């Protein structure tokens, strides 16, 4: 009985010592952690891989840990993750949280985006509500990381299946025959182009000769234009002077003609008013005289001299 009682006391003391040691270790750990602040993050995606105690890093530096993961009762599409972060970590407005997954299945939360000079995140600075939904400041989320890829994996697989199906349709037997025909036509075109290469080279040579001749003709034309400019510059002054003299002479002749017409105008008027009517009357008398003489002459020729002394023949009387 005494031996058994000793074992009981030894076991009890050992358990008490172990509990004290555990409490001491926890106290030392909390002492090393220092003061911490709590924040809430609302993820509208799967948080698979996260667990209570998962690590929280800020730009790769250990900053705290996850203390709670629950569905948000206000909107079950969101998962509320509560973080406990050391107070010396700058959680400022503009800081975002991203789930950083890995192929091992363990996920962590990566904080990033603190802007120098920005105020700290407090209640009312989150996007979900203008006040702390559950009494803690809210850190905004940012999609990214392997968790975002895994969350979109079904959509990616669906699009990959659609792409594969369309590739199968493009690479069907009919399309493969068409592609083969296109390749054969391309080979034939390449062969024809290779055969036509000498002709193309000859054409290019002729074109170069034509361009050279055109350049020479242009040079000659420029020389002619230069000579013309020189002639105009040398002879232009004398030609202009002669032209001025000619124009001056023509101007003087025009003035003299105008003076002559002015002097002749009265005589012309008198001629039109008196002389020309008298001349017209004289001409009429001459025409009448000429007509009478022509009548006498005709009578002499037809009737003889008796026509001059005889009277006019009376018509025969008929009872």
Protein backbone atom coordinates (compact mmCIF):
# COMPACT_ATOMS: atom_id res chain seq x y z
CA UNK A 1 0.00 0.00 0.00
CA UNK A 2 2.77 2.44 0.85
CA UNK A 3 4.59 1.70 -2.43
CA UNK A 4 1.43 2.28 -4.45
CA UNK A 5 0.77 5.57 -2.60
CA UNK A 6 4.26 6.76 -3.41
CA UNK A 7 3.72 6.11 -7.12
CA UNK A 8 0.49 8.15 -7.01
CA UNK A 9 2.24 11.09 -5.39
CA UNK A 10 5.11 10.88 -7.85
CA UNK A 11 2.69 10.85 -10.80
CA UNK A 12 0.69 13.78 -9.44
CA UNK A 13 3.80 15.86 -8.86
CA UNK A 14 5.08 15.02 -12.33
CA UNK A 15 1.82 16.13 -13.94
CA UNK A 16 1.88 19.36 -11.96
CA UNK A 17 5.43 20.03 -13.02
CA UNK A 18 4.57 19.34 -16.69
CA UNK A 19 1.54 21.69 -16.53
CA UNK A 20 3.68 24.37 -14.95
CA UNK A 21 6.29 23.91 -17.65
CA UNK A 22 3.66 24.19 -20.40
CA UNK A 23 2.19 27.31 -18.80
CA UNK A 24 5.68 28.78 -18.55
CA UNK A 25 6.39 28.04 -22.22
CA UNK A 26 3.08 29.64 -23.29
CA UNK A 27 3.82 32.67 -21.14
CA UNK A 28 7.29 32.99 -22.64
CA UNK A 29 5.81 32.70 -26.15
CA UNK A 30 3.23 35.40 -25.46
CA UNK A 31 5.94 37.51 -23.88
CA UNK A 32 8.01 37.20 -27.04
CA UNK A 33 5.00 38.03 -29.21
CA UNK A 34 4.40 41.34 -27.51
CA UNK A 35 1.17 43.29 -27.97
CA UNK A 36 -0.99 42.29 -30.93
CA UNK A 37 -3.95 43.79 -32.81
CA UNK A 38 -6.84 41.89 -34.30
CA UNK A 39 -8.19 42.42 -37.82
CA UNK A 40 -10.90 40.76 -39.92
CA UNK A 41 -10.53 39.76 -43.54
CA UNK A 42 -13.59 38.81 -45.62
CA UNK A 43 -12.71 36.47 -48.48
CA UNK A 44 -15.24 35.89 -51.26
CA UNK A 45 -13.46 32.73 -52.37
CA UNK A 46 -12.39 29.37 -51.07
CA UNK A 47 -10.00 29.50 -48.12
CA UNK A 48 -8.97 25.87 -48.48
CA UNK A 49 -5.56 25.32 -46.94
CA UNK A 50 -6.04 27.92 -44.19
CA UNK A 51 -6.46 26.80 -40.59
CA UNK A 52 -6.39 28.27 -37.14
CA UNK A 53 -2.75 29.04 -36.44
CA UNK A 54 -1.83 29.53 -40.13
CA UNK A 55 0.96 32.02 -40.59
CA UNK A 56 0.39 35.63 -41.62
CA UNK A 57 3.28 37.43 -43.33
CA UNK A 58 3.77 41.02 -44.40
CA UNK A 59 5.86 41.21 -47.58
CA UNK A 60 7.39 37.87 -46.56
CA UNK A 61 8.11 38.92 -42.95
CA UNK A 62 6.28 36.91 -40.23
CA UNK A 63 3.59 39.22 -38.82
CA UNK A 64 1.06 37.09 -36.96
CA UNK A 65 -1.33 34.18 -37.27
CA UNK A 66 -4.90 33.19 -38.04
CA UNK A 67 -7.05 32.88 -34.93
CA UNK A 68 -10.51 32.17 -36.35
CA UNK A 69 -12.11 31.05 -39.64
CA UNK A 70 -15.93 31.15 -39.91
CA UNK A 71 -18.61 31.81 -42.49
CA UNK A 72 -19.92 35.35 -42.20
CA UNK A 73 -23.57 34.99 -41.08
CA UNK A 74 -24.61 38.24 -42.78
CA UNK A 75 -23.61 36.93 -46.21
CA UNK A 76 -22.49 33.28 -46.45
CA UNK A 77 -20.65 34.04 -49.70
CA UNK A 78 -17.93 35.56 -47.51
CA UNK A 79 -15.56 33.76 -45.16
CA UNK A 80 -14.44 35.80 -42.18
CA UNK A 81 -10.85 35.20 -41.17
CA UNK A 82 -9.65 36.87 -37.99
CA UNK A 83 -5.97 37.74 -37.78
CA UNK A 84 -3.82 38.59 -34.80
CA UNK A 85 -0.92 40.76 -35.93
CA UNK A 86 1.94 42.36 -34.02
CA UNK A 87 1.34 46.02 -33.36
CA UNK A 88 4.70 46.99 -34.86
CA UNK A 89 3.53 45.78 -38.31
CA UNK A 90 2.29 48.78 -40.36
CA UNK A 91 -1.31 47.85 -41.20
CA UNK A 92 -2.24 51.04 -43.06
CA UNK A 93 -5.00 52.07 -45.43
CA UNK A 94 -4.10 50.47 -48.75
CA UNK A 95 -2.88 47.23 -47.16
CA UNK A 96 -4.47 44.16 -48.76
CA UNK A 97 -4.65 40.48 -47.86
CA UNK A 98 -4.10 37.59 -50.29
CA UNK A 99 -4.31 33.86 -49.74
CA UNK A 100 -0.92 32.43 -50.72
CA UNK A 101 -1.40 28.74 -51.53
CA UNK A 102 1.16 26.06 -52.22
CA UNK A 103 1.27 22.64 -53.85
CA UNK A 104 1.59 21.05 -50.42
CA UNK A 105 -1.94 22.20 -49.57
CA UNK A 106 -0.87 24.58 -46.77
CA UNK A 107 -1.91 28.20 -47.29
CA UNK A 108 -0.81 31.40 -45.63
CA UNK A 109 -2.09 34.95 -45.72
CA UNK A 110 0.14 37.50 -47.38
CA UNK A 111 -0.28 41.18 -46.44
CA UNK A 112 1.09 43.87 -48.72
CA UNK A 113 0.52 47.39 -49.99
CA UNK A 114 1.24 49.70 -47.06
CA UNK A 115 1.78 53.28 -48.30
CA UNK A 116 4.12 55.55 -46.42
CA UNK A 117 2.23 58.33 -44.68
CA UNK A 118 -1.18 56.62 -44.94
CA UNK A 119 -3.30 56.45 -41.76
CA UNK A 120 -3.76 53.12 -39.98
CA UNK A 121 -6.75 50.91 -40.75
CA UNK A 122 -9.52 51.59 -38.27
CA UNK A 123 -13.20 50.82 -38.03
CA UNK A 124 -15.00 52.37 -40.98
CA UNK A 125 -12.10 52.05 -43.48
CA UNK A 126 -13.09 48.64 -44.89
CA UNK A 127 -15.12 48.04 -48.07
CA UNK A 128 -17.72 45.62 -46.66
CA UNK A 129 -19.39 48.20 -44.41
CA UNK A 130 -18.60 51.67 -43.17
CA UNK A 131 -18.21 50.32 -39.63
CA UNK A 132 -16.57 47.24 -38.14
CA UNK A 133 -19.04 44.38 -38.91
CA UNK A 134 -17.75 42.26 -36.06
CA UNK A 135 -15.99 44.85 -33.95
CA UNK A 136 -12.57 44.59 -35.67
CA UNK A 137 -10.99 46.73 -38.38
CA UNK A 138 -11.30 45.23 -41.87
CA UNK A 139 -8.38 44.56 -44.21
CA UNK A 140 -9.42 44.55 -47.87
CA UNK A 141 -8.71 41.48 -50.00
CA UNK A 142 -6.89 41.23 -53.30
CA UNK A 143 -7.26 38.26 -55.67
CA UNK A 144 -4.13 36.45 -56.60
CA UNK A 145 -1.85 33.64 -55.73
CA UNK A 146 -2.26 29.92 -56.23
CA UNK A 147 -5.54 29.97 -54.29
CA UNK A 148 -7.11 32.23 -56.93
CA UNK A 149 -5.89 29.89 -59.66
CA UNK A 150 -7.31 26.88 -57.87
CA UNK A 151 -10.60 28.71 -57.27
CA UNK A 152 -10.86 29.38 -61.01
CA UNK A 153 -9.70 25.88 -61.94
CA UNK A 154 -13.19 24.66 -63.02
CA UNK A 155 -13.59 27.62 -65.37
CA UNK A 156 -10.09 27.08 -66.73
CA UNK A 157 -10.78 23.40 -67.29
CA UNK A 158 -14.05 24.21 -69.08
CA UNK A 159 -12.30 26.68 -71.36
CA UNK A 160 -9.49 24.20 -71.97
CA UNK A 161 -12.05 21.55 -72.95
CA UNK A 162 -13.73 24.03 -75.33
CA UNK A 163 -10.36 24.94 -76.84
CA UNK A 164 -9.50 21.27 -77.30
CA UNK A 165 -12.82 20.61 -78.99
CA UNK A 166 -12.32 23.50 -81.39
CA UNK A 167 -8.79 22.37 -82.16
CA UNK A 168 -10.16 18.94 -82.97
CA UNK A 169 -12.66 20.53 -85.36
CA UNK A 170 -9.93 22.61 -87.01
CA UNK A 171 -7.68 19.57 -87.39
CA UNK A 172 -10.39 17.35 -88.87
CA UNK A 173 -9.64 15.19 -91.92
CA UNK A 174 -11.24 17.66 -94.34
CA UNK A 175 -9.36 20.60 -92.88
CA UNK A 176 -6.11 18.65 -92.92
CA UNK A 177 -6.62 17.93 -96.63
CA UNK A 178 -7.32 21.63 -97.21
CA UNK A 179 -4.18 22.59 -95.30
CA UNK A 180 -2.18 20.08 -97.32
CA UNK A 181 -3.58 21.61 -100.53
CA UNK A 182 -2.62 25.09 -99.33
CA UNK A 183 0.90 23.88 -98.61
CA UNK A 184 1.16 22.30 -102.07
CA UNK A 185 -0.04 25.53 -103.69
CA UNK A 186 2.49 27.44 -101.61
CA UNK A 187 5.27 25.12 -102.79
CA UNK A 188 4.13 25.58 -106.41
CA UNK A 189 4.05 29.35 -105.98
CA UNK A 190 7.55 29.29 -104.50
CA UNK A 191 8.80 27.23 -107.45
CA UNK A 192 7.18 29.63 -109.95
CA UNK A 193 8.71 32.55 -108.13
CA UNK A 194 12.12 30.89 -108.25
CA UNK A 195 11.72 30.29 -112.00
CA UNK A 196 10.68 33.90 -112.57
CA UNK A 197 13.65 35.24 -110.63
CA UNK A 198 15.88 35.74 -113.76
CA UNK A 199 13.10 37.70 -115.50
CA UNK A 200 12.59 39.79 -112.40
CA UNK A 201 16.32 40.49 -112.25
CA UNK A 202 16.33 41.53 -115.93
CA UNK A 203 13.35 43.80 -115.36
CA UNK A 204 15.05 45.35 -112.39
CA UNK A 205 18.20 45.95 -114.47
CA UNK A 206 16.12 47.65 -117.21
CA UNK A 207 14.40 49.70 -114.56
CA UNK A 208 17.74 50.83 -113.19
CA UNK A 209 18.86 51.85 -116.71
CA UNK A 210 15.62 53.76 -117.24
CA UNK A 211 16.04 55.52 -113.93
CA UNK A 212 19.63 56.44 -114.80
CA UNK A 213 18.57 57.83 -118.21
CA UNK A 214 15.76 59.74 -116.56
CA UNK A 215 18.24 61.21 -114.12
CA UNK A 216 20.54 62.25 -116.98
CA UNK A 217 17.62 63.83 -118.87
CA UNK A 218 16.66 65.71 -115.73
CA UNK A 219 20.21 66.98 -115.34
CA UNK A 220 20.21 68.16 -118.97
CA UNK A 221 16.87 69.89 -118.48
CA UNK A 222 18.23 71.64 -115.42
CA UNK A 223 21.22 72.83 -117.47
CA UNK A 224 18.88 74.17 -120.20
CA UNK A 225 16.82 75.95 -117.60
CA UNK A 226 19.99 77.45 -116.18
CA UNK A 227 21.05 78.69 -119.62
CA UNK A 228 17.57 80.14 -120.20
CA UNK A 229 17.75 81.95 -116.91
CA UNK A 230 21.12 83.40 -117.86
CA UNK A 231 19.82 84.59 -121.26
CA UNK A 232 16.78 86.16 -119.66
CA UNK A 233 18.93 87.83 -117.03
CA UNK A 234 21.35 89.20 -119.67
CA UNK A 235 18.99 90.14 -122.54
CA UNK A 236 15.86 90.79 -120.53
CA UNK A 237 16.80 94.38 -119.65
CA UNK A 238 17.37 95.47 -123.29
CA UNK A 239 14.22 93.67 -124.48
CA UNK A 240 12.21 95.38 -121.78
CA UNK A 241 13.64 98.77 -122.76
CA UNK A 242 12.77 98.22 -126.44
CA UNK A 243 9.29 97.15 -125.44
CA UNK A 244 8.87 100.32 -123.40
CA UNK A 245 9.91 102.45 -126.43
CA UNK A 246 7.50 100.58 -128.72
CA UNK A 247 4.64 100.99 -126.30
CA UNK A 248 5.44 104.70 -125.93
CA UNK A 249 5.42 105.14 -129.75
CA UNK A 250 2.11 103.29 -130.04
CA UNK A 251 0.68 105.49 -127.31
CA UNK A 252 1.76 108.63 -129.15
CA UNK A 253 0.25 107.34 -132.42
CA UNK A 254 -3.03 106.61 -130.65
CA UNK A 255 -3.08 110.13 -129.23
CA UNK A 256 -2.42 111.63 -132.70
CA UNK A 257 -5.20 109.53 -134.24
CA UNK A 258 -7.56 110.68 -131.53
CA UNK A 259 -6.65 114.33 -132.26
CA UNK A 260 -7.21 113.82 -136.01
CA UNK A 261 -10.61 112.28 -135.45
CA UNK A 262 -11.53 115.20 -133.21
CA UNK A 263 -10.54 117.70 -135.94
CA UNK A 264 -12.33 115.81 -138.73
CA UNK A 265 -15.55 115.37 -136.77
CA UNK A 266 -17.15 118.77 -137.82
CA UNK A 267 -16.39 118.22 -141.52
CA UNK A 268 -17.75 114.72 -141.28
CA UNK A 269 -20.92 116.04 -139.71
CA UNK A 270 -21.36 118.69 -142.48
CA UNK A 271 -20.73 116.10 -145.15
CA UNK A 272 -23.37 113.84 -143.67
CA UNK A 273 -25.97 116.63 -143.28
CA UNK A 274 -25.69 118.64 -146.58
CA UNK A 275 -23.27 117.26 -149.11
CA UNK A 276 -24.42 113.63 -149.03
CA UNK A 277 -28.17 114.48 -149.57
CA UNK A 278 -27.33 116.77 -152.57
CA UNK A 279 -25.10 114.09 -153.98
CA UNK A 280 -27.89 111.56 -153.60
CA UNK A 281 -30.37 113.88 -155.43
CA UNK A 282 -27.88 114.44 -158.27
CA UNK A 283 -27.42 110.71 -158.58
CA UNK A 284 -31.19 110.20 -158.83
CA UNK A 285 -31.40 112.85 -161.62
CA UNK A 286 -28.52 111.20 -163.44
CA UNK A 287 -30.29 107.84 -163.20
CA UNK A 288 -33.49 109.37 -164.63
CA UNK A 289 -31.58 111.09 -167.45
CA UNK A 290 -29.73 107.89 -168.23
CA UNK A 291 -33.00 106.02 -168.33
CA UNK A 292 -34.57 108.57 -170.73
CA UNK A 293 -31.53 108.45 -173.04
CA UNK A 294 -31.64 104.67 -173.01
CA UNK A 295 -35.33 104.81 -174.01
CA UNK A 296 -34.60 107.21 -176.93
CA UNK A 297 -31.77 105.04 -178.08
CA UNK A 298 -33.93 101.97 -178.06
CA UNK A 299 -36.67 103.78 -180.05
CA UNK A 300 -34.12 104.88 -182.65
CA UNK A 301 -32.88 101.40 -183.03
CA UNK A 302 -36.33 99.87 -183.38
CA UNK A 303 -38.47 102.57 -185.01
CA UNK A 304 -35.96 104.83 -186.74
CA UNK A 305 -35.80 108.63 -186.74
CA UNK A 306 -39.55 108.91 -187.24
CA UNK A 307 -40.09 107.98 -183.72
CA UNK A 308 -38.53 111.31 -182.69
CA UNK A 309 -40.96 113.52 -184.75
CA UNK A 310 -44.07 111.40 -184.88
CA UNK A 311 -46.68 111.50 -182.22
CA UNK A 312 -47.80 108.66 -180.22
CA UNK A 313 -49.79 106.09 -182.23
CA UNK A 314 -53.39 105.96 -181.32
CA UNK A 315 -55.05 102.63 -180.92
CA UNK A 316 -57.34 101.35 -183.75
CA UNK A 317 -61.00 102.04 -183.39
CA UNK A 318 -63.31 99.10 -183.37
CA UNK A 319 -67.06 99.67 -183.61
